[in-house]
C-alpha atoms as a PDB file:
ATOM      1  CA  MET A   1       0.000   0.000   0.000  1.00  0.00           C
ATOM      2  CA  GLY A   2       2.147   2.853  -1.277  1.00  0.00           C
ATOM      3  CA  PHE A   3       1.265   6.459  -1.827  1.00  0.00           C
ATOM      4  CA  GLY A   4       3.306   6.992  -4.968  1.00  0.00           C
ATOM      5  CA  ARG A   5       2.238   9.308  -7.745  1.00  0.00           C
ATOM      6  CA  ASN A   6       1.057   6.588 -10.090  1.00  0.00           C
ATOM      7  CA  GLU A   7      -0.700   4.551  -7.437  1.00  0.00           C
ATOM      8  CA  ALA A   8      -2.700   7.462  -6.051  1.00  0.00           C
ATOM      9  CA  SER A   9      -3.903   8.663  -9.441  1.00  0.00           C
ATOM     10  CA  GLY A  10      -4.493   5.237 -10.981  1.00  0.00           C
ATOM     11  CA  ASP A  11      -2.161   5.895 -13.949  1.00  0.00           C
ATOM     12  CA  SER A  12      -0.002   3.151 -15.326  1.00  0.00           C
ATOM     13  CA  GLY A  13       3.112   5.340 -15.554  1.00  0.00           C
ATOM     14  CA  GLY A  14       2.695   7.538 -18.641  1.00  0.00           C
ATOM     15  CA  SER A  15       2.244  10.831 -16.794  1.00  0.00           C
ATOM     16  CA  THR A  16       5.602  10.924 -15.013  1.00  0.00           C
ATOM     17  CA  SER A  17       7.492  11.811 -18.191  1.00  0.00           C
ATOM     18  CA  MET A  18       5.671  15.175 -18.374  1.00  0.00           C
ATOM     19  CA  GLY A  19       7.536  16.646 -15.363  1.00  0.00           C
ATOM     20  CA  LEU A  20       9.308  19.974 -15.264  1.00  0.00           C
ATOM     21  CA  GLN A  21      12.436  20.333 -17.361  1.00  0.00           C
ATOM     22  CA  ARG A  22      15.504  22.031 -15.912  1.00  0.00           C
ATOM     23  CA  LEU A  23      17.219  24.701 -17.968  1.00  0.00           C
ATOM     24  CA  PRO A  24      20.985  24.490 -18.317  1.00  0.00           C
ATOM     25  CA  SER A  25      22.917  26.619 -15.860  1.00  0.00           C
ATOM     26  CA  ALA A  26      24.427  29.850 -17.160  1.00  0.00           C
ATOM     27  CA  ALA A  27      28.151  30.401 -17.011  1.00  0.00           C
ATOM     28  CA  GLN A  28      29.411  32.819 -14.340  1.00  0.00           C
ATOM     29  CA  PRO A  29      30.445  35.576 -16.821  1.00  0.00           C
ATOM     30  CA  GLU A  30      26.964  35.527 -18.358  1.00  0.00           C
ATOM     31  CA  ILE A  31      25.377  35.905 -14.932  1.00  0.00           C
ATOM     32  CA  MET A  32      27.667  38.829 -14.110  1.00  0.00           C
ATOM     33  CA  ARG A  33      26.911  40.549 -17.441  1.00  0.00           C
ATOM     34  CA  ALA A  34      23.185  40.139 -16.866  1.00  0.00           C
ATOM     35  CA  ALA A  35      23.474  41.590 -13.355  1.00  0.00           C
ATOM     36  CA  GLU A  36      25.468  44.565 -14.655  1.00  0.00           C
ATOM     37  CA  LYS A  37      22.885  45.209 -17.371  1.00  0.00           C
ATOM     38  CA  ASP A  38      20.137  45.083 -14.734  1.00  0.00           C
ATOM     39  CA  ASP A  39      22.019  47.599 -12.585  1.00  0.00           C
ATOM     40  CA  GLN A  40      22.585  49.930 -15.542  1.00  0.00           C
ATOM     41  CA  HIS A  41      18.921  49.748 -16.520  1.00  0.00           C
ATOM     42  CA  ALA A  42      17.780  50.427 -12.949  1.00  0.00           C
ATOM     43  CA  THR A  43      20.108  53.438 -12.739  1.00  0.00           C
ATOM     44  CA  PHE A  44      18.853  54.774 -16.073  1.00  0.00           C
ATOM     45  CA  VAL A  45      15.203  54.435 -15.024  1.00  0.00           C
ATOM     46  CA  TYR A  46      15.864  55.988 -11.606  1.00  0.00           C
ATOM     47  CA  ASP A  47      17.678  58.962 -13.164  1.00  0.00           C
ATOM     48  CA  ALA A  48      14.939  59.462 -15.758  1.00  0.00           C
ATOM     49  CA  TYR A  49      12.195  59.490 -13.113  1.00  0.00           C
ATOM     50  CA  HIS A  50      14.244  61.741 -10.859  1.00  0.00           C
ATOM     51  CA  ASP A  51      14.805  64.250 -13.673  1.00  0.00           C
ATOM     52  CA  ALA A  52      11.152  64.156 -14.710  1.00  0.00           C
ATOM     53  CA  PHE A  53       9.990  64.672 -11.112  1.00  0.00           C
ATOM     54  CA  TRP A  54      12.458  67.524 -10.589  1.00  0.00           C
ATOM     55  CA  HIS A  55      11.387  69.283 -13.762  1.00  0.00           C
ATOM     56  CA  LYS A  56       7.719  68.875 -12.854  1.00  0.00           C
ATOM     57  CA  CYS A  57       8.230  70.260  -9.361  1.00  0.00           C
ATOM     58  CA  LYS A  58      10.393  73.080 -10.658  1.00  0.00           C
ATOM     59  CA  SER A  59       7.755  74.137 -13.164  1.00  0.00           C
ATOM     60  CA  CYS A  60       4.949  73.990 -10.586  1.00  0.00           C
ATOM     61  CA  SER A  61       6.659  75.937  -7.829  1.00  0.00           C
ATOM     62  CA  GLY A  62       8.924  78.250  -9.793  1.00  0.00           C
ATOM     63  CA  LEU A  63      12.178  76.822  -8.349  1.00  0.00           C
ATOM     64  CA  SER A  64      15.357  77.242 -10.319  1.00  0.00           C
ATOM     65  CA  GLU A  65      18.597  75.296 -10.251  1.00  0.00           C
END
């Protein structure tokens, strides 16, 4: 009386081959390049929002640099 996957569902064994597939691991340099690109993108987005917010506040309140 086991509680295996096939015994509980009543299958004869055909459904176990449809499991999740593992992707191959990335090499360390590829991981580092991806992390650097993420950091550069985050910095670009942060700077763009900061500049847009500053210009909006400056135009609303009459502040100057």
